[in-house]
C-alpha atoms as a PDB file:
ATOM      1  CA  MET A   1     -31.561  43.204 -61.358  1.00  0.00           C
ATOM      2  CA  GLY A   2     -29.400  43.520 -64.408  1.00  0.00           C
ATOM      3  CA  ASP A   3     -30.199  46.252 -66.898  1.00  0.00           C
ATOM      4  CA  SER A   4     -33.940  45.587 -67.104  1.00  0.00           C
ATOM      5  CA  PRO A   5     -36.313  48.186 -65.677  1.00  0.00           C
ATOM      6  CA  TYR A   6     -38.099  45.476 -63.714  1.00  0.00           C
ATOM      7  CA  PHE A   7     -37.002  42.192 -62.138  1.00  0.00           C
ATOM      8  CA  GLY A   8     -35.514  40.443 -65.150  1.00  0.00           C
ATOM      9  CA  SER A   9     -37.976  41.874 -67.633  1.00  0.00           C
ATOM     10  CA  GLU A  10     -38.945  44.938 -69.596  1.00  0.00           C
ATOM     11  CA  GLN A  11     -42.447  44.612 -68.138  1.00  0.00           C
ATOM     12  CA  LEU A  12     -43.900  44.367 -64.669  1.00  0.00           C
ATOM     13  CA  THR A  13     -44.070  40.745 -63.490  1.00  0.00           C
ATOM     14  CA  LEU A  14     -45.273  38.840 -60.441  1.00  0.00           C
ATOM     15  CA  ALA A  15     -41.769  39.168 -58.980  1.00  0.00           C
ATOM     16  CA  ASP A  16     -42.109  42.965 -59.041  1.00  0.00           C
ATOM     17  CA  ILE A  17     -45.523  42.823 -57.430  1.00  0.00           C
ATOM     18  CA  VAL A  18     -44.344  40.541 -54.632  1.00  0.00           C
ATOM     19  CA  ALA A  19     -41.149  42.512 -53.931  1.00  0.00           C
ATOM     20  CA  GLY A  20     -43.093  45.745 -54.316  1.00  0.00           C
ATOM     21  CA  THR A  21     -45.224  44.907 -51.308  1.00  0.00           C
ATOM     22  CA  VAL A  22     -42.181  45.173 -49.044  1.00  0.00           C
ATOM     23  CA  VAL A  23     -39.309  47.106 -50.620  1.00  0.00           C
ATOM     24  CA  PRO A  24     -41.024  50.534 -50.827  1.00  0.00           C
ATOM     25  CA  SER A  25     -41.616  50.373 -47.060  1.00  0.00           C
ATOM     26  CA  LEU A  26     -37.973  49.750 -46.166  1.00  0.00           C
ATOM     27  CA  PRO A  27     -37.016  53.455 -45.982  1.00  0.00           C
ATOM     28  CA  ARG A  28     -39.808  53.915 -43.407  1.00  0.00           C
ATOM     29  CA  LEU A  29     -37.957  51.322 -41.332  1.00  0.00           C
ATOM     30  CA  ASP A  30     -34.716  53.323 -41.653  1.00  0.00           C
ATOM     31  CA  ILE A  31     -33.272  51.024 -44.326  1.00  0.00           C
ATOM     32  CA  ASN A  32     -31.658  53.287 -46.893  1.00  0.00           C
ATOM     33  CA  LEU A  33     -32.076  52.164 -50.493  1.00  0.00           C
ATOM     34  CA  ASN A  34     -29.485  54.680 -51.717  1.00  0.00           C
ATOM     35  CA  ASP A  35     -26.808  52.063 -51.021  1.00  0.00           C
ATOM     36  CA  TYR A  36     -28.529  49.863 -53.630  1.00  0.00           C
ATOM     37  CA  PRO A  37     -28.916  52.108 -56.690  1.00  0.00           C
ATOM     38  CA  LYS A  38     -30.637  49.564 -58.943  1.00  0.00           C
ATOM     39  CA  LEU A  39     -33.111  48.643 -56.241  1.00  0.00           C
ATOM     40  CA  HIS A  40     -33.650  52.332 -55.467  1.00  0.00           C
ATOM     41  CA  ASP A  41     -34.327  53.117 -59.137  1.00  0.00           C
ATOM     42  CA  TRP A  42     -36.623  50.085 -59.491  1.00  0.00           C
ATOM     43  CA  CYS A  43     -38.598  51.224 -56.470  1.00  0.00           C
ATOM     44  CA  GLY A  44     -38.933  54.689 -57.981  1.00  0.00           C
ATOM     45  CA  ARG A  45     -40.236  53.242 -61.260  1.00  0.00           C
ATOM     46  CA  LEU A  46     -42.703  51.113 -59.377  1.00  0.00           C
ATOM     47  CA  MET A  47     -43.984  54.037 -57.328  1.00  0.00           C
ATOM     48  CA  GLN A  48     -44.482  56.093 -60.518  1.00  0.00           C
ATOM     49  CA  ARG A  49     -47.149  53.654 -61.666  1.00  0.00           C
ATOM     50  CA  GLU A  50     -50.609  55.087 -61.046  1.00  0.00           C
ATOM     51  CA  ALA A  51     -51.977  51.765 -59.843  1.00  0.00           C
ATOM     52  CA  TRP A  52     -49.103  51.411 -57.376  1.00  0.00           C
ATOM     53  CA  GLN A  53     -49.600  54.907 -56.019  1.00  0.00           C
ATOM     54  CA  LYS A  54     -53.143  53.919 -55.058  1.00  0.00           C
ATOM     55  CA  THR A  55     -51.758  51.141 -52.832  1.00  0.00           C
ATOM     56  CA  ASP A  56     -49.230  53.317 -51.008  1.00  0.00           C
ATOM     57  CA  VAL A  57     -49.909  53.465 -47.275  1.00  0.00           C
ATOM     58  CA  SER A  58     -49.945  56.840 -45.548  1.00  0.00           C
ATOM     59  CA  ALA A  59     -47.217  57.592 -43.006  1.00  0.00           C
ATOM     60  CA  GLU A  60     -49.845  57.618 -40.243  1.00  0.00           C
ATOM     61  CA  ASP A  61     -51.227  54.203 -41.239  1.00  0.00           C
ATOM     62  CA  PHE A  62     -47.719  52.767 -41.479  1.00  0.00           C
ATOM     63  CA  GLU A  63     -46.849  54.018 -37.982  1.00  0.00           C
ATOM     64  CA  GLN A  64     -50.037  52.455 -36.649  1.00  0.00           C
ATOM     65  CA  PHE A  65     -49.086  49.180 -38.345  1.00  0.00           C
ATOM     66  CA  LYS A  66     -45.597  49.331 -36.788  1.00  0.00           C
ATOM     67  CA  ARG A  67     -47.082  49.842 -33.316  1.00  0.00           C
ATOM     68  CA  LYS A  68     -49.380  46.844 -33.769  1.00  0.00           C
ATOM     69  CA  VAL A  69     -46.526  44.625 -34.938  1.00  0.00           C
ATOM     70  CA  GLN A  70     -44.351  45.748 -32.030  1.00  0.00           C
ATOM     71  CA  ALA A  71     -47.174  44.923 -29.591  1.00  0.00           C
ATOM     72  CA  LEU A  72     -47.615  41.484 -31.161  1.00  0.00           C
ATOM     73  CA  VAL A  73     -43.880  40.776 -30.947  1.00  0.00           C
ATOM     74  CA  LYS A  74     -43.836  41.842 -27.300  1.00  0.00           C
ATOM     75  CA  LEU A  75     -46.841  39.613 -26.559  1.00  0.00           C
ATOM     76  CA  ARG A  76     -45.245  36.663 -28.351  1.00  0.00           C
ATOM     77  CA  LYS A  77     -41.997  37.083 -26.407  1.00  0.00           C
ATOM     78  CA  ARG A  78     -43.971  37.155 -23.163  1.00  0.00           C
ATOM     79  CA  GLU A  79     -45.872  34.008 -24.150  1.00  0.00           C
ATOM     80  CA  MET A  80     -42.617  32.250 -25.020  1.00  0.00           C
ATOM     81  CA  SER A  81     -41.065  33.175 -21.670  1.00  0.00           C
ATOM     82  CA  TRP A  82     -44.181  31.907 -19.855  1.00  0.00           C
ATOM     83  CA  GLY A  83     -43.870  28.629 -21.730  1.00  0.00           C
ATOM     84  CA  LYS A  84     -40.289  28.261 -20.508  1.00  0.00           C
ATOM     85  CA  ILE A  85     -41.352  28.958 -16.927  1.00  0.00           C
ATOM     86  CA  LYS A  86     -44.175  26.374 -17.105  1.00  0.00           C
ATOM     87  CA  ALA A  87     -41.839  23.762 -18.630  1.00  0.00           C
ATOM     88  CA  GLN A  88     -39.449  24.016 -15.677  1.00  0.00           C
END
């Protein structure tokens, strides 16, 4: 990230917006950003923006999302194993 407050710039860019859709959620997935101080600080700056705060997902909504993704992964694994059985 260098010394810029945002990804390679003094201003918010598309790179920040794209990364900002995922990186702030990483701690909710037990990925600690403290090991990456520049990324941690960038995330903090991003979350201070009023517009970004409006997009933040509640803990309850995020947990519901996680459950849905886990169910989809489980279903996909089952479908893949059925495909292997049918191919034999």
